[in-house]
């Protein structure tokens, strides 16, 4: 210390002045005001919950079980996207402003440093609120993600198994009424007891119906009705209806072709539904990402506004 240096104490700042120059003074042990951050996060989370409930109510009120009434699926999708953006904007703005307005006043700091700290406080408030909200809505987010993955896998793998399962279920329901099972083993066992060509079958009407159902189920799984199965099924139909063997076989083939066409229609609808679910899940994830990104920016900016008003 030079002889000309003077030591003075400023009681208002509790700092030491060396030669008339005032060094930067720390405002506290930490530059982060966690109390203000948690207060802003609580406000943002509460407002998000309120707006989420309101949006759910508005969405349900716009639905209708009656045809040509209520909002369309496209309108609901667009409305939901806009509402999520608005919800993030409002909640993030409130949380960031509270975090900036309630934080401890920093003295002897450059304007740039104050702006950075305010921005960080707003971002931290948004982060805490987002993590808290996500912990409450984990099941919802998981269902969106898993639904999109499963739908995409179903589209990639095809929906043929769905159609086959539906056919097998239908066959099982029919054969259960006749007191018999349904499956590949049952079809093979049936072939052991088939009557010779031209011989009359001793099967009851219920048993004949169940057997033809199992023949169709097996043929649908392979994609083709064998001639031997068509001939035997025609024999059963001819005994029940009094038709000729040729007419009965023709009816069997026509019925099988109609069944195949119906199952292909079911398969197409299943593929379309799976693809729609995949696209909806992708759109929901994209909307959530955009809304969170906007929310982080708005919370950071609102904190700077609250901090300036706090210091003025």
C-alpha atoms as a PDB file:
ATOM      1  CA  UNK A   1       0.000   0.000   0.000  1.00  0.00           C
ATOM      2  CA  UNK A   2       1.376   3.384  -0.987  1.00  0.00           C
ATOM      3  CA  UNK A   3       1.556   6.208   1.537  1.00  0.00           C
ATOM      4  CA  UNK A   4      -1.022   8.232  -0.415  1.00  0.00           C
ATOM      5  CA  UNK A   5      -3.618   5.423  -0.344  1.00  0.00           C
ATOM      6  CA  UNK A   6      -6.576   6.009   1.896  1.00  0.00           C
ATOM      7  CA  UNK A   7      -8.872   3.404   3.391  1.00  0.00           C
ATOM      8  CA  UNK A   8     -12.514   4.275   3.742  1.00  0.00           C
ATOM      9  CA  UNK A   9     -15.544   2.214   4.583  1.00  0.00           C
ATOM     10  CA  UNK A  10     -18.883   2.742   2.896  1.00  0.00           C
ATOM     11  CA  UNK A  11     -21.498   1.529   5.398  1.00  0.00           C
ATOM     12  CA  UNK A  12     -24.206   1.308   2.690  1.00  0.00           C
ATOM     13  CA  UNK A  13     -22.222  -1.227   0.640  1.00  0.00           C
ATOM     14  CA  UNK A  14     -20.078  -2.695   3.404  1.00  0.00           C
ATOM     15  CA  UNK A  15     -17.049  -2.468   1.106  1.00  0.00           C
ATOM     16  CA  UNK A  16     -13.537  -1.115   1.278  1.00  0.00           C
ATOM     17  CA  UNK A  17     -12.546   1.730  -1.047  1.00  0.00           C
ATOM     18  CA  UNK A  18      -8.923   1.813  -2.144  1.00  0.00           C
ATOM     19  CA  UNK A  19      -7.782   5.152  -3.510  1.00  0.00           C
ATOM     20  CA  UNK A  20     -11.329   6.100  -4.494  1.00  0.00           C
ATOM     21  CA  UNK A  21     -11.895   2.943  -6.662  1.00  0.00           C
ATOM     22  CA  UNK A  22     -14.713   0.554  -5.648  1.00  0.00           C
ATOM     23  CA  UNK A  23     -14.177  -3.121  -6.576  1.00  0.00           C
ATOM     24  CA  UNK A  24     -17.027  -5.504  -7.459  1.00  0.00           C
ATOM     25  CA  UNK A  25     -18.836  -6.780  -4.393  1.00  0.00           C
ATOM     26  CA  UNK A  26     -20.497 -10.191  -4.154  1.00  0.00           C
ATOM     27  CA  UNK A  27     -24.182 -10.041  -3.288  1.00  0.00           C
ATOM     28  CA  UNK A  28     -24.189 -13.346  -1.487  1.00  0.00           C
ATOM     29  CA  UNK A  29     -22.651 -16.772  -1.188  1.00  0.00           C
ATOM     30  CA  UNK A  30     -24.358 -17.952  -4.395  1.00  0.00           C
ATOM     31  CA  UNK A  31     -25.393 -16.209  -7.566  1.00  0.00           C
ATOM     32  CA  UNK A  32     -28.474 -18.441  -7.797  1.00  0.00           C
ATOM     33  CA  UNK A  33     -31.641 -17.515  -5.934  1.00  0.00           C
ATOM     34  CA  UNK A  34     -33.203 -20.945  -5.563  1.00  0.00           C
ATOM     35  CA  UNK A  35     -36.147 -19.583  -3.638  1.00  0.00           C
ATOM     36  CA  UNK A  36     -37.136 -17.402  -6.588  1.00  0.00           C
ATOM     37  CA  UNK A  37     -36.543 -20.293  -9.016  1.00  0.00           C
ATOM     38  CA  UNK A  38     -38.756 -22.713  -7.102  1.00  0.00           C
ATOM     39  CA  UNK A  39     -41.412 -20.031  -6.689  1.00  0.00           C
ATOM     40  CA  UNK A  40     -41.450 -19.427 -10.440  1.00  0.00           C
ATOM     41  CA  UNK A  41     -41.488 -23.154 -11.143  1.00  0.00           C
ATOM     42  CA  UNK A  42     -44.443 -23.668  -8.797  1.00  0.00           C
ATOM     43  CA  UNK A  43     -46.382 -20.894 -10.498  1.00  0.00           C
ATOM     44  CA  UNK A  44     -45.619 -22.261 -13.966  1.00  0.00           C
ATOM     45  CA  UNK A  45     -46.572 -25.826 -13.016  1.00  0.00           C
ATOM     46  CA  UNK A  46     -49.832 -24.719 -11.394  1.00  0.00           C
ATOM     47  CA  UNK A  47     -50.842 -22.633 -14.401  1.00  0.00           C
ATOM     48  CA  UNK A  48     -49.933 -25.502 -16.742  1.00  0.00           C
ATOM     49  CA  UNK A  49     -52.196 -27.834 -14.785  1.00  0.00           C
ATOM     50  CA  UNK A  50     -55.075 -25.358 -14.862  1.00  0.00           C
ATOM     51  CA  UNK A  51     -54.743 -24.771 -18.591  1.00  0.00           C
ATOM     52  CA  UNK A  52     -54.402 -28.507 -19.245  1.00  0.00           C
ATOM     53  CA  UNK A  53     -57.667 -29.187 -17.435  1.00  0.00           C
ATOM     54  CA  UNK A  54     -59.349 -26.342 -19.303  1.00  0.00           C
ATOM     55  CA  UNK A  55     -58.059 -27.586 -22.638  1.00  0.00           C
ATOM     56  CA  UNK A  56     -59.257 -31.110 -21.888  1.00  0.00           C
ATOM     57  CA  UNK A  57     -62.708 -29.798 -21.040  1.00  0.00           C
ATOM     58  CA  UNK A  58     -62.893 -27.727 -24.217  1.00  0.00           C
ATOM     59  CA  UNK A  59     -61.745 -30.690 -26.287  1.00  0.00           C
ATOM     60  CA  UNK A  60     -64.307 -33.058 -24.782  1.00  0.00           C
ATOM     61  CA  UNK A  61     -67.090 -30.505 -25.217  1.00  0.00           C
ATOM     62  CA  UNK A  62     -66.307 -30.280 -28.936  1.00  0.00           C
ATOM     63  CA  UNK A  63     -66.741 -34.050 -29.430  1.00  0.00           C
ATOM     64  CA  UNK A  64     -70.027 -35.685 -30.287  1.00  0.00           C
ATOM     65  CA  UNK A  65     -71.050 -39.336 -30.679  1.00  0.00           C
ATOM     66  CA  UNK A  66     -73.489 -38.372 -33.426  1.00  0.00           C
ATOM     67  CA  UNK A  67     -72.505 -38.355 -37.072  1.00  0.00           C
ATOM     68  CA  UNK A  68     -71.756 -35.005 -38.745  1.00  0.00           C
ATOM     69  CA  UNK A  69     -71.728 -33.252 -35.374  1.00  0.00           C
ATOM     70  CA  UNK A  70     -68.851 -31.919 -33.328  1.00  0.00           C
ATOM     71  CA  UNK A  71     -65.318 -31.080 -34.416  1.00  0.00           C
ATOM     72  CA  UNK A  72     -63.447 -33.228 -36.894  1.00  0.00           C
ATOM     73  CA  UNK A  73     -60.279 -35.126 -36.032  1.00  0.00           C
ATOM     74  CA  UNK A  74     -58.190 -32.657 -38.044  1.00  0.00           C
ATOM     75  CA  UNK A  75     -59.727 -29.678 -36.256  1.00  0.00           C
ATOM     76  CA  UNK A  76     -59.106 -31.304 -32.879  1.00  0.00           C
ATOM     77  CA  UNK A  77     -55.490 -31.996 -33.818  1.00  0.00           C
ATOM     78  CA  UNK A  78     -54.847 -28.402 -34.879  1.00  0.00           C
ATOM     79  CA  UNK A  79     -56.688 -27.062 -31.837  1.00  0.00           C
ATOM     80  CA  UNK A  80     -54.699 -29.297 -29.518  1.00  0.00           C
ATOM     81  CA  UNK A  81     -51.406 -28.157 -31.071  1.00  0.00           C
ATOM     82  CA  UNK A  82     -52.335 -24.469 -30.703  1.00  0.00           C
ATOM     83  CA  UNK A  83     -53.492 -25.007 -27.123  1.00  0.00           C
ATOM     84  CA  UNK A  84     -50.265 -26.745 -26.112  1.00  0.00           C
ATOM     85  CA  UNK A  85     -48.253 -23.834 -27.527  1.00  0.00           C
ATOM     86  CA  UNK A  86     -50.448 -21.302 -25.704  1.00  0.00           C
ATOM     87  CA  UNK A  87     -50.212 -23.290 -22.472  1.00  0.00           C
ATOM     88  CA  UNK A  88     -46.415 -23.291 -22.608  1.00  0.00           C
ATOM     89  CA  UNK A  89     -46.291 -19.596 -23.485  1.00  0.00           C
ATOM     90  CA  UNK A  90     -48.523 -18.535 -20.589  1.00  0.00           C
ATOM     91  CA  UNK A  91     -47.012 -20.838 -17.971  1.00  0.00           C
ATOM     92  CA  UNK A  92     -43.399 -20.151 -18.956  1.00  0.00           C
ATOM     93  CA  UNK A  93     -43.945 -16.392 -19.063  1.00  0.00           C
ATOM     94  CA  UNK A  94     -45.463 -16.445 -15.577  1.00  0.00           C
ATOM     95  CA  UNK A  95     -42.780 -18.696 -14.101  1.00  0.00           C
ATOM     96  CA  UNK A  96     -39.901 -16.748 -15.626  1.00  0.00           C
ATOM     97  CA  UNK A  97     -41.317 -13.394 -14.539  1.00  0.00           C
ATOM     98  CA  UNK A  98     -41.789 -14.589 -10.950  1.00  0.00           C
ATOM     99  CA  UNK A  99     -38.258 -16.002 -10.837  1.00  0.00           C
ATOM    100  CA  UNK A 100     -36.792 -12.720 -12.104  1.00  0.00           C
ATOM    101  CA  UNK A 101     -38.931 -10.471  -9.945  1.00  0.00           C
ATOM    102  CA  UNK A 102     -38.362 -12.344  -6.672  1.00  0.00           C
ATOM    103  CA  UNK A 103     -34.641 -12.988  -6.966  1.00  0.00           C
ATOM    104  CA  UNK A 104     -32.147 -11.254  -4.688  1.00  0.00           C
ATOM    105  CA  UNK A 105     -30.997  -7.864  -5.901  1.00  0.00           C
ATOM    106  CA  UNK A 106     -27.450  -7.920  -7.216  1.00  0.00           C
ATOM    107  CA  UNK A 107     -25.308  -4.853  -6.592  1.00  0.00           C
ATOM    108  CA  UNK A 108     -22.064  -3.739  -8.210  1.00  0.00           C
ATOM    109  CA  UNK A 109     -22.598  -6.011 -11.232  1.00  0.00           C
ATOM    110  CA  UNK A 110     -22.294  -5.201 -14.892  1.00  0.00           C
ATOM    111  CA  UNK A 111     -25.498  -4.979 -16.853  1.00  0.00           C
ATOM    112  CA  UNK A 112     -24.464  -7.927 -19.004  1.00  0.00           C
ATOM    113  CA  UNK A 113     -23.903 -10.093 -15.946  1.00  0.00           C
ATOM    114  CA  UNK A 114     -27.289  -9.172 -14.495  1.00  0.00           C
ATOM    115  CA  UNK A 115     -28.979  -9.998 -17.802  1.00  0.00           C
ATOM    116  CA  UNK A 116     -27.220 -13.369 -17.939  1.00  0.00           C
ATOM    117  CA  UNK A 117     -28.195 -14.264 -14.383  1.00  0.00           C
ATOM    118  CA  UNK A 118     -31.803 -13.263 -14.976  1.00  0.00           C
ATOM    119  CA  UNK A 119     -31.880 -15.373 -18.139  1.00  0.00           C
ATOM    120  CA  UNK A 120     -30.396 -18.322 -16.243  1.00  0.00           C
ATOM    121  CA  UNK A 121     -32.966 -17.946 -13.452  1.00  0.00           C
ATOM    122  CA  UNK A 122     -35.807 -17.970 -15.951  1.00  0.00           C
ATOM    123  CA  UNK A 123     -34.400 -21.029 -17.698  1.00  0.00           C
ATOM    124  CA  UNK A 124     -33.894 -22.880 -14.398  1.00  0.00           C
ATOM    125  CA  UNK A 125     -37.445 -22.054 -13.314  1.00  0.00           C
ATOM    126  CA  UNK A 126     -38.711 -23.446 -16.631  1.00  0.00           C
ATOM    127  CA  UNK A 127     -36.544 -26.544 -16.213  1.00  0.00           C
ATOM    128  CA  UNK A 128     -37.736 -27.288 -12.682  1.00  0.00           C
ATOM    129  CA  UNK A 129     -41.378 -26.765 -13.697  1.00  0.00           C
ATOM    130  CA  UNK A 130     -40.943 -29.013 -16.744  1.00  0.00           C
ATOM    131  CA  UNK A 131     -39.347 -31.817 -14.728  1.00  0.00           C
ATOM    132  CA  UNK A 132     -42.030 -31.586 -12.066  1.00  0.00           C
ATOM    133  CA  UNK A 133     -44.831 -31.643 -14.640  1.00  0.00           C
ATOM    134  CA  UNK A 134     -43.172 -34.514 -16.511  1.00  0.00           C
ATOM    135  CA  UNK A 135     -42.988 -36.564 -13.326  1.00  0.00           C
ATOM    136  CA  UNK A 136     -46.751 -36.202 -12.972  1.00  0.00           C
ATOM    137  CA  UNK A 137     -47.458 -36.946 -16.631  1.00  0.00           C
ATOM    138  CA  UNK A 138     -44.955 -39.752 -17.154  1.00  0.00           C
ATOM    139  CA  UNK A 139     -47.666 -42.247 -18.084  1.00  0.00           C
ATOM    140  CA  UNK A 140     -49.099 -39.889 -20.693  1.00  0.00           C
ATOM    141  CA  UNK A 141     -45.748 -39.223 -22.340  1.00  0.00           C
ATOM    142  CA  UNK A 142     -44.873 -42.919 -22.252  1.00  0.00           C
ATOM    143  CA  UNK A 143     -48.144 -43.829 -23.933  1.00  0.00           C
ATOM    144  CA  UNK A 144     -47.463 -41.323 -26.723  1.00  0.00           C
ATOM    145  CA  UNK A 145     -43.976 -42.663 -27.359  1.00  0.00           C
ATOM    146  CA  UNK A 146     -44.836 -46.354 -27.023  1.00  0.00           C
ATOM    147  CA  UNK A 147     -47.940 -45.907 -29.129  1.00  0.00           C
ATOM    148  CA  UNK A 148     -45.917 -44.396 -31.942  1.00  0.00           C
ATOM    149  CA  UNK A 149     -43.274 -47.140 -31.775  1.00  0.00           C
ATOM    150  CA  UNK A 150     -45.826 -49.934 -31.739  1.00  0.00           C
ATOM    151  CA  UNK A 151     -47.801 -48.385 -34.572  1.00  0.00           C
ATOM    152  CA  UNK A 152     -44.673 -47.970 -36.657  1.00  0.00           C
ATOM    153  CA  UNK A 153     -43.703 -51.583 -36.021  1.00  0.00           C
ATOM    154  CA  UNK A 154     -47.146 -52.742 -37.012  1.00  0.00           C
ATOM    155  CA  UNK A 155     -46.982 -50.778 -40.248  1.00  0.00           C
ATOM    156  CA  UNK A 156     -43.523 -52.142 -41.013  1.00  0.00           C
ATOM    157  CA  UNK A 157     -44.421 -55.714 -40.158  1.00  0.00           C
ATOM    158  CA  UNK A 158     -47.836 -55.692 -41.801  1.00  0.00           C
ATOM    159  CA  UNK A 159     -51.260 -56.376 -40.411  1.00  0.00           C
ATOM    160  CA  UNK A 160     -51.763 -59.819 -41.907  1.00  0.00           C
ATOM    161  CA  UNK A 161     -51.518 -61.385 -38.475  1.00  0.00           C
ATOM    162  CA  UNK A 162     -54.398 -59.202 -37.333  1.00  0.00           C
ATOM    163  CA  UNK A 163     -56.613 -60.498 -40.081  1.00  0.00           C
ATOM    164  CA  UNK A 164     -55.568 -64.064 -39.409  1.00  0.00           C
ATOM    165  CA  UNK A 165     -56.260 -63.644 -35.714  1.00  0.00           C
ATOM    166  CA  UNK A 166     -59.681 -62.236 -36.461  1.00  0.00           C
ATOM    167  CA  UNK A 167     -60.430 -65.174 -38.710  1.00  0.00           C
ATOM    168  CA  UNK A 168     -59.208 -67.651 -36.110  1.00  0.00           C
ATOM    169  CA  UNK A 169     -61.266 -65.968 -33.402  1.00  0.00           C
ATOM    170  CA  UNK A 170     -64.349 -66.137 -35.580  1.00  0.00           C
ATOM    171  CA  UNK A 171     -63.710 -69.768 -36.313  1.00  0.00           C
ATOM    172  CA  UNK A 172     -63.180 -70.473 -32.640  1.00  0.00           C
ATOM    173  CA  UNK A 173     -66.474 -68.825 -31.769  1.00  0.00           C
ATOM    174  CA  UNK A 174     -68.332 -70.885 -34.358  1.00  0.00           C
ATOM    175  CA  UNK A 175     -66.740 -74.182 -33.444  1.00  0.00           C
ATOM    176  CA  UNK A 176     -67.155 -73.642 -29.731  1.00  0.00           C
ATOM    177  CA  UNK A 177     -70.904 -73.652 -30.266  1.00  0.00           C
ATOM    178  CA  UNK A 178     -70.573 -77.093 -31.836  1.00  0.00           C
ATOM    179  CA  UNK A 179     -68.477 -78.332 -28.937  1.00  0.00           C
ATOM    180  CA  UNK A 180     -65.226 -78.666 -30.919  1.00  0.00           C
ATOM    181  CA  UNK A 181     -61.886 -76.870 -30.862  1.00  0.00           C
ATOM    182  CA  UNK A 182     -60.184 -74.962 -33.654  1.00  0.00           C
ATOM    183  CA  UNK A 183     -56.547 -74.964 -34.718  1.00  0.00           C
ATOM    184  CA  UNK A 184     -53.996 -76.605 -37.036  1.00  0.00           C
ATOM    185  CA  UNK A 185     -54.092 -79.850 -35.040  1.00  0.00           C
ATOM    186  CA  UNK A 186     -57.894 -80.024 -35.268  1.00  0.00           C
ATOM    187  CA  UNK A 187     -57.721 -79.590 -39.032  1.00  0.00           C
ATOM    188  CA  UNK A 188     -55.209 -82.446 -39.336  1.00  0.00           C
ATOM    189  CA  UNK A 189     -57.349 -84.676 -37.094  1.00  0.00           C
ATOM    190  CA  UNK A 190     -60.429 -83.898 -39.202  1.00  0.00           C
ATOM    191  CA  UNK A 191     -58.611 -85.139 -42.301  1.00  0.00           C
ATOM    192  CA  UNK A 192     -58.196 -88.559 -40.646  1.00  0.00           C
ATOM    193  CA  UNK A 193     -61.945 -89.122 -40.416  1.00  0.00           C
ATOM    194  CA  UNK A 194     -63.020 -87.790 -43.787  1.00  0.00           C
ATOM    195  CA  UNK A 195     -65.394 -89.994 -45.729  1.00  0.00           C
ATOM    196  CA  UNK A 196     -64.103 -91.429 -49.008  1.00  0.00           C
ATOM    197  CA  UNK A 197     -64.904 -89.608 -52.199  1.00  0.00           C
ATOM    198  CA  UNK A 198     -68.541 -90.037 -53.046  1.00  0.00           C
ATOM    199  CA  UNK A 199     -69.408 -91.575 -49.670  1.00  0.00           C
ATOM    200  CA  UNK A 200     -71.975 -89.922 -47.460  1.00  0.00           C
ATOM    201  CA  UNK A 201     -70.650 -88.268 -44.343  1.00  0.00           C
ATOM    202  CA  UNK A 202     -72.156 -89.212 -40.983  1.00  0.00           C
ATOM    203  CA  UNK A 203     -71.333 -85.840 -39.431  1.00  0.00           C
ATOM    204  CA  UNK A 204     -74.172 -83.877 -37.876  1.00  0.00           C
ATOM    205  CA  UNK A 205     -75.008 -80.409 -39.309  1.00  0.00           C
ATOM    206  CA  UNK A 206     -73.210 -78.731 -36.409  1.00  0.00           C
ATOM    207  CA  UNK A 207     -70.137 -80.910 -36.839  1.00  0.00           C
ATOM    208  CA  UNK A 208     -70.110 -80.334 -40.613  1.00  0.00           C
ATOM    209  CA  UNK A 209     -70.324 -76.572 -40.127  1.00  0.00           C
ATOM    210  CA  UNK A 210     -67.451 -76.650 -37.624  1.00  0.00           C
ATOM    211  CA  UNK A 211     -65.338 -78.791 -39.943  1.00  0.00           C
ATOM    212  CA  UNK A 212     -65.845 -76.499 -42.934  1.00  0.00           C
ATOM    213  CA  UNK A 213     -64.944 -73.551 -40.710  1.00  0.00           C
ATOM    214  CA  UNK A 214     -61.671 -75.242 -39.781  1.00  0.00           C
ATOM    215  CA  UNK A 215     -60.977 -75.974 -43.450  1.00  0.00           C
ATOM    216  CA  UNK A 216     -61.453 -72.296 -44.296  1.00  0.00           C
ATOM    217  CA  UNK A 217     -59.289 -71.207 -41.351  1.00  0.00           C
ATOM    218  CA  UNK A 218     -56.441 -73.444 -42.474  1.00  0.00           C
ATOM    219  CA  UNK A 219     -56.785 -72.265 -46.087  1.00  0.00           C
ATOM    220  CA  UNK A 220     -56.769 -68.598 -45.063  1.00  0.00           C
ATOM    221  CA  UNK A 221     -53.522 -69.125 -43.152  1.00  0.00           C
ATOM    222  CA  UNK A 222     -51.886 -70.621 -46.271  1.00  0.00           C
ATOM    223  CA  UNK A 223     -53.590 -68.225 -48.689  1.00  0.00           C
ATOM    224  CA  UNK A 224     -55.075 -70.946 -50.909  1.00  0.00           C
ATOM    225  CA  UNK A 225     -57.886 -73.489 -50.664  1.00  0.00           C
ATOM    226  CA  UNK A 226     -56.557 -76.919 -51.757  1.00  0.00           C
ATOM    227  CA  UNK A 227     -58.636 -78.779 -54.333  1.00  0.00           C
ATOM    228  CA  UNK A 228     -59.050 -81.752 -51.998  1.00  0.00           C
ATOM    229  CA  UNK A 229     -60.428 -79.499 -49.250  1.00  0.00           C
ATOM    230  CA  UNK A 230     -62.722 -77.744 -51.712  1.00  0.00           C
ATOM    231  CA  UNK A 231     -64.050 -81.064 -52.948  1.00  0.00           C
ATOM    232  CA  UNK A 232     -64.654 -82.395 -49.430  1.00  0.00           C
ATOM    233  CA  UNK A 233     -66.308 -79.155 -48.292  1.00  0.00           C
ATOM    234  CA  UNK A 234     -68.450 -79.262 -51.410  1.00  0.00           C
ATOM    235  CA  UNK A 235     -69.472 -82.808 -50.483  1.00  0.00           C
ATOM    236  CA  UNK A 236     -70.648 -81.614 -47.061  1.00  0.00           C
ATOM    237  CA  UNK A 237     -72.498 -78.686 -48.591  1.00  0.00           C
ATOM    238  CA  UNK A 238     -74.156 -80.941 -51.166  1.00  0.00           C
ATOM    239  CA  UNK A 239     -75.439 -83.276 -48.432  1.00  0.00           C
ATOM    240  CA  UNK A 240     -76.897 -80.338 -46.495  1.00  0.00           C
ATOM    241  CA  UNK A 241     -78.437 -78.427 -49.402  1.00  0.00           C
ATOM    242  CA  UNK A 242     -79.235 -81.107 -51.972  1.00  0.00           C
ATOM    243  CA  UNK A 243     -77.092 -79.376 -54.602  1.00  0.00           C
ATOM    244  CA  UNK A 244     -74.937 -81.244 -57.075  1.00  0.00           C
ATOM    245  CA  UNK A 245     -71.273 -81.784 -56.252  1.00  0.00           C
ATOM    246  CA  UNK A 246     -70.146 -79.332 -58.942  1.00  0.00           C
ATOM    247  CA  UNK A 247     -72.526 -76.592 -57.756  1.00  0.00           C
ATOM    248  CA  UNK A 248     -71.512 -77.176 -54.149  1.00  0.00           C
ATOM    249  CA  UNK A 249     -67.793 -76.929 -54.960  1.00  0.00           C
ATOM    250  CA  UNK A 250     -68.444 -73.731 -56.908  1.00  0.00           C
ATOM    251  CA  UNK A 251     -70.250 -72.251 -53.916  1.00  0.00           C
ATOM    252  CA  UNK A 252     -67.409 -73.282 -51.613  1.00  0.00           C
ATOM    253  CA  UNK A 253     -64.797 -71.580 -53.827  1.00  0.00           C
ATOM    254  CA  UNK A 254     -66.912 -68.425 -54.185  1.00  0.00           C
ATOM    255  CA  UNK A 255     -67.479 -68.252 -50.433  1.00  0.00           C
ATOM    256  CA  UNK A 256     -63.781 -68.723 -49.759  1.00  0.00           C
ATOM    257  CA  UNK A 257     -62.866 -65.965 -52.239  1.00  0.00           C
ATOM    258  CA  UNK A 258     -65.354 -63.623 -50.596  1.00  0.00           C
ATOM    259  CA  UNK A 259     -63.874 -64.448 -47.201  1.00  0.00           C
ATOM    260  CA  UNK A 260     -60.383 -63.706 -48.466  1.00  0.00           C
ATOM    261  CA  UNK A 261     -61.525 -60.377 -49.932  1.00  0.00           C
ATOM    262  CA  UNK A 262     -63.159 -59.437 -46.637  1.00  0.00           C
ATOM    263  CA  UNK A 263     -60.018 -60.280 -44.697  1.00  0.00           C
ATOM    264  CA  UNK A 264     -57.897 -58.223 -47.091  1.00  0.00           C
ATOM    265  CA  UNK A 265     -60.232 -55.310 -46.473  1.00  0.00           C
ATOM    266  CA  UNK A 266     -59.805 -55.788 -42.720  1.00  0.00           C
ATOM    267  CA  UNK A 267     -56.030 -55.938 -43.206  1.00  0.00           C
ATOM    268  CA  UNK A 268     -56.045 -52.701 -45.208  1.00  0.00           C
ATOM    269  CA  UNK A 269     -58.091 -50.929 -42.553  1.00  0.00           C
ATOM    270  CA  UNK A 270     -55.752 -52.225 -39.849  1.00  0.00           C
ATOM    271  CA  UNK A 271     -52.751 -50.878 -41.758  1.00  0.00           C
ATOM    272  CA  UNK A 272     -54.437 -47.507 -42.227  1.00  0.00           C
ATOM    273  CA  UNK A 273     -55.328 -47.311 -38.534  1.00  0.00           C
ATOM    274  CA  UNK A 274     -51.778 -48.223 -37.510  1.00  0.00           C
ATOM    275  CA  UNK A 275     -50.306 -45.654 -39.876  1.00  0.00           C
ATOM    276  CA  UNK A 276     -52.691 -42.979 -38.583  1.00  0.00           C
ATOM    277  CA  UNK A 277     -51.682 -43.793 -35.001  1.00  0.00           C
ATOM    278  CA  UNK A 278     -48.004 -43.553 -35.951  1.00  0.00           C
ATOM    279  CA  UNK A 279     -48.496 -40.161 -37.613  1.00  0.00           C
ATOM    280  CA  UNK A 280     -50.535 -38.881 -34.669  1.00  0.00           C
ATOM    281  CA  UNK A 281     -47.828 -39.942 -32.208  1.00  0.00           C
ATOM    282  CA  UNK A 282     -45.130 -38.279 -34.324  1.00  0.00           C
ATOM    283  CA  UNK A 283     -47.159 -35.069 -34.555  1.00  0.00           C
ATOM    284  CA  UNK A 284     -47.789 -35.072 -30.798  1.00  0.00           C
ATOM    285  CA  UNK A 285     -44.082 -35.522 -30.059  1.00  0.00           C
ATOM    286  CA  UNK A 286     -43.171 -32.724 -32.487  1.00  0.00           C
ATOM    287  CA  UNK A 287     -45.758 -30.379 -30.975  1.00  0.00           C
ATOM    288  CA  UNK A 288     -44.460 -31.137 -27.490  1.00  0.00           C
ATOM    289  CA  UNK A 289     -40.863 -30.445 -28.555  1.00  0.00           C
ATOM    290  CA  UNK A 290     -41.755 -27.127 -30.198  1.00  0.00           C
ATOM    291  CA  UNK A 291     -43.847 -25.996 -27.241  1.00  0.00           C
ATOM    292  CA  UNK A 292     -41.078 -26.824 -24.755  1.00  0.00           C
ATOM    293  CA  UNK A 293     -38.492 -25.025 -26.861  1.00  0.00           C
ATOM    294  CA  UNK A 294     -40.675 -21.919 -27.039  1.00  0.00           C
ATOM    295  CA  UNK A 295     -41.389 -22.173 -23.323  1.00  0.00           C
ATOM    296  CA  UNK A 296     -37.679 -22.177 -22.457  1.00  0.00           C
ATOM    297  CA  UNK A 297     -37.117 -19.024 -24.498  1.00  0.00           C
ATOM    298  CA  UNK A 298     -40.157 -17.206 -23.097  1.00  0.00           C
ATOM    299  CA  UNK A 299     -39.267 -18.085 -19.492  1.00  0.00           C
ATOM    300  CA  UNK A 300     -35.710 -16.808 -19.944  1.00  0.00           C
ATOM    301  CA  UNK A 301     -36.869 -13.570 -21.543  1.00  0.00           C
ATOM    302  CA  UNK A 302     -39.633 -12.981 -18.975  1.00  0.00           C
ATOM    303  CA  UNK A 303     -37.100 -13.357 -16.162  1.00  0.00           C
ATOM    304  CA  UNK A 304     -35.060 -10.472 -17.577  1.00  0.00           C
ATOM    305  CA  UNK A 305     -38.170  -8.307 -17.620  1.00  0.00           C
ATOM    306  CA  UNK A 306     -39.001  -9.198 -14.032  1.00  0.00           C
ATOM    307  CA  UNK A 307     -35.404  -8.592 -12.972  1.00  0.00           C
ATOM    308  CA  UNK A 308     -35.290  -5.118 -14.536  1.00  0.00           C
ATOM    309  CA  UNK A 309     -38.516  -4.162 -12.818  1.00  0.00           C
ATOM    310  CA  UNK A 310     -37.125  -5.540  -9.558  1.00  0.00           C
ATOM    311  CA  UNK A 311     -33.987  -3.377  -9.812  1.00  0.00           C
ATOM    312  CA  UNK A 312     -35.713  -0.161 -10.947  1.00  0.00           C
END
